[in-house]
Amino acid sequence: MKIKITIEEIRKYLDIETPEFPKYVAPLINLANQYAQGTRPRVVGQMSELIQEFEGKTLKEWEEWYLKKKPDAIENATEKILQKLEELRNAMNKIDQHTVEQWVRDLVIVKTFTRLRFQEAILKKGAEIKRTNYRLAKPDEESKGIDGYIGLFQYL
């Protein structure tokens, strides 16, 4: 029997409150943290090692133990993330319709064209080296992650 348990269920069973955040706030903080690297081991400690050292049983015990071991970690991580959020806020203020249109055009037109031509160039080069033929993938093959074939078919 396969049993799945969600993080929400774990929190409920362990009587741990789930914080509520306004829409988009948690993903934005997460994004800022990825850039800021605020929760990396050099800032908050190597969590996998710390949890092994911890001998308590409860969340409260863990919090007290961790904060004694790493008294500045939460504040340092928070500051790093807040700084990055401020940088993101400043960047957001620079985004207008023209900027978004440029980004969409680059993605849809330029990157699509470059990616497809890049794939074809690689397939051509591979076929040239192997002295055989090639073809780009068909749409149903692309949906399976296939870019093309070298020397695996005959032209009809």
Protein backbone atom coordinates (compact mmCIF):
# COMPACT_ATOMS: atom_id res chain seq x y z
CA MET A 1 0.00 0.00 0.00
CA LYS A 2 1.33 3.41 -0.99
CA ILE A 3 0.56 6.27 1.41
CA LYS A 4 1.09 9.93 0.62
CA ILE A 5 1.29 12.61 3.26
CA THR A 6 1.38 16.30 2.43
CA ILE A 7 3.43 18.92 4.23
CA GLU A 8 0.14 20.42 5.40
CA GLU A 9 -0.85 17.08 6.97
CA ILE A 10 2.55 16.75 8.64
CA ARG A 11 2.16 20.23 10.11
CA LYS A 12 -1.34 19.36 11.30
CA TYR A 13 -0.26 16.07 12.92
CA LEU A 14 2.67 17.79 14.62
CA ASP A 15 0.44 20.70 15.68
CA ILE A 16 2.56 23.23 13.79
CA GLU A 17 0.82 26.37 12.61
CA THR A 18 0.95 27.12 8.88
CA PRO A 19 1.66 30.79 8.19
CA GLU A 20 -0.70 32.63 5.85
CA PHE A 21 0.85 34.95 3.28
CA PRO A 22 -0.88 37.31 0.84
CA LYS A 23 -1.08 36.08 -2.74
CA TYR A 24 2.32 36.05 -4.53
CA VAL A 25 4.26 37.01 -1.37
CA ALA A 26 5.75 33.58 -0.57
CA PRO A 27 6.87 32.92 -4.17
CA LEU A 28 8.44 36.40 -4.35
CA ILE A 29 10.31 35.87 -1.08
CA ASN A 30 11.43 32.48 -2.36
CA LEU A 31 12.68 34.07 -5.60
CA ALA A 32 14.52 36.80 -3.69
CA ASN A 33 16.07 34.14 -1.45
CA GLN A 34 17.29 32.20 -4.48
CA TYR A 35 19.15 35.31 -5.64
CA ALA A 36 20.23 36.41 -2.15
CA GLN A 37 21.21 32.90 -1.03
CA GLY A 38 19.99 33.89 2.41
CA THR A 39 19.34 30.37 3.63
CA ARG A 40 22.58 28.82 2.41
CA PRO A 41 24.72 26.90 4.95
CA ARG A 42 27.20 29.78 5.29
CA VAL A 43 24.32 31.97 6.54
CA VAL A 44 22.05 29.63 8.54
CA GLY A 45 24.27 26.60 9.03
CA GLN A 46 24.30 23.14 7.48
CA MET A 47 20.79 22.10 8.46
CA SER A 48 21.25 18.38 7.75
CA GLU A 49 24.17 18.33 10.19
CA LEU A 50 22.50 20.54 12.78
CA ILE A 51 19.35 18.41 12.92
CA GLN A 52 21.55 15.35 13.52
CA GLU A 53 23.22 17.09 16.48
CA PHE A 54 19.85 18.08 17.98
CA GLU A 55 18.72 15.68 20.70
CA GLY A 56 15.33 17.22 21.53
CA LYS A 57 11.91 16.14 20.34
CA THR A 58 9.70 19.20 19.96
CA LEU A 59 9.61 22.16 17.65
CA LYS A 60 10.03 24.50 20.63
CA GLU A 61 13.14 22.58 21.75
CA TRP A 62 14.53 22.70 18.22
CA GLU A 63 13.94 26.45 17.96
CA GLU A 64 15.62 27.15 21.29
CA TRP A 65 18.56 24.83 20.49
CA TYR A 66 19.04 26.25 17.00
CA LEU A 67 18.88 29.88 18.12
CA LYS A 68 21.50 29.21 20.80
CA LYS A 69 23.73 27.54 18.21
CA LYS A 70 23.13 30.16 15.48
CA PRO A 71 21.89 33.31 17.26
CA ASP A 72 22.27 35.66 14.25
CA ALA A 73 21.22 33.30 11.47
CA ILE A 74 17.55 34.29 11.15
CA GLU A 75 18.37 38.00 11.23
CA ASN A 76 21.23 37.62 8.73
CA ALA A 77 19.09 35.59 6.32
CA THR A 78 16.23 38.07 6.68
CA GLU A 79 18.50 41.02 5.89
CA LYS A 80 19.97 39.34 2.82
CA ILE A 81 16.50 38.51 1.50
CA LEU A 82 15.09 41.98 2.26
CA GLN A 83 17.99 43.58 0.40
CA LYS A 84 17.29 41.40 -2.63
CA LEU A 85 13.55 42.15 -2.42
CA GLU A 86 14.40 45.85 -2.54
CA GLU A 87 16.50 45.25 -5.65
CA LEU A 88 13.61 43.32 -7.20
CA ARG A 89 11.19 46.13 -6.27
CA ASN A 90 13.47 48.62 -8.02
CA ALA A 91 13.66 46.34 -11.06
CA MET A 92 9.85 45.98 -11.08
CA ASN A 93 9.54 49.78 -11.27
CA LYS A 94 11.59 49.70 -14.48
CA ILE A 95 9.24 47.26 -16.22
CA ASP A 96 6.78 48.81 -18.64
CA GLN A 97 4.82 47.59 -21.65
CA HIS A 98 7.77 48.10 -23.98
CA THR A 99 10.07 46.03 -21.73
CA VAL A 100 7.57 43.17 -21.48
CA GLU A 101 6.95 43.27 -25.24
CA GLN A 102 10.72 43.14 -25.86
CA TRP A 103 11.02 40.15 -23.52
CA VAL A 104 8.10 38.31 -25.15
CA ARG A 105 9.43 39.04 -28.65
CA ASP A 106 12.89 37.78 -27.68
CA LEU A 107 11.42 34.59 -26.19
CA VAL A 108 8.87 33.83 -28.90
CA ILE A 109 10.74 35.01 -31.99
CA VAL A 110 14.49 35.07 -31.34
CA LYS A 111 14.99 32.24 -28.86
CA THR A 112 12.58 29.92 -30.67
CA PHE A 113 14.30 30.57 -34.00
CA THR A 114 17.78 30.26 -32.49
CA ARG A 115 16.88 27.06 -30.62
CA LEU A 116 15.40 25.43 -33.70
CA ARG A 117 18.28 26.49 -35.94
CA PHE A 118 20.80 25.49 -33.26
CA GLN A 119 19.25 22.01 -33.11
CA GLU A 120 19.33 21.75 -36.88
CA ALA A 121 22.98 22.87 -36.99
CA ILE A 122 23.90 20.18 -34.45
CA LEU A 123 21.95 17.53 -36.36
CA LYS A 124 23.59 18.59 -39.64
CA LYS A 125 27.05 18.47 -38.08
CA GLY A 126 26.36 15.05 -36.52
CA ALA A 127 25.04 13.69 -39.81
CA GLU A 128 28.07 15.12 -41.62
CA ILE A 129 30.47 13.43 -39.18
CA LYS A 130 28.60 10.11 -39.45
CA ARG A 131 28.13 10.57 -43.22
CA THR A 132 24.42 9.94 -42.97
CA ASN A 133 21.14 11.81 -43.00
CA TYR A 134 19.19 13.67 -40.32
CA ARG A 135 15.79 15.14 -39.68
CA LEU A 136 14.23 17.45 -37.11
CA ALA A 137 11.65 15.96 -34.78
CA LYS A 138 7.95 16.13 -35.60
CA PRO A 139 5.68 17.95 -33.12
CA ASP A 140 4.58 14.74 -31.39
CA GLU A 141 8.25 13.72 -31.01
CA GLU A 142 9.20 17.17 -29.68
CA SER A 143 6.55 16.81 -26.97
CA LYS A 144 8.50 13.73 -25.81
CA GLY A 145 11.75 15.72 -25.59
CA ILE A 146 13.17 14.54 -28.94
CA ASP A 147 14.98 17.19 -30.99
CA GLY A 148 15.73 15.12 -34.07
CA TYR A 149 17.34 12.02 -35.53
CA ILE A 150 20.66 11.25 -37.15
CA GLY A 151 20.96 8.24 -39.46
CA LEU A 152 17.94 6.41 -38.06
CA PHE A 153 15.60 6.62 -41.04
CA GLN A 154 15.43 6.60 -44.83
CA TYR A 155 13.98 9.38 -46.95
CA LEU A 156 10.86 8.25 -48.80
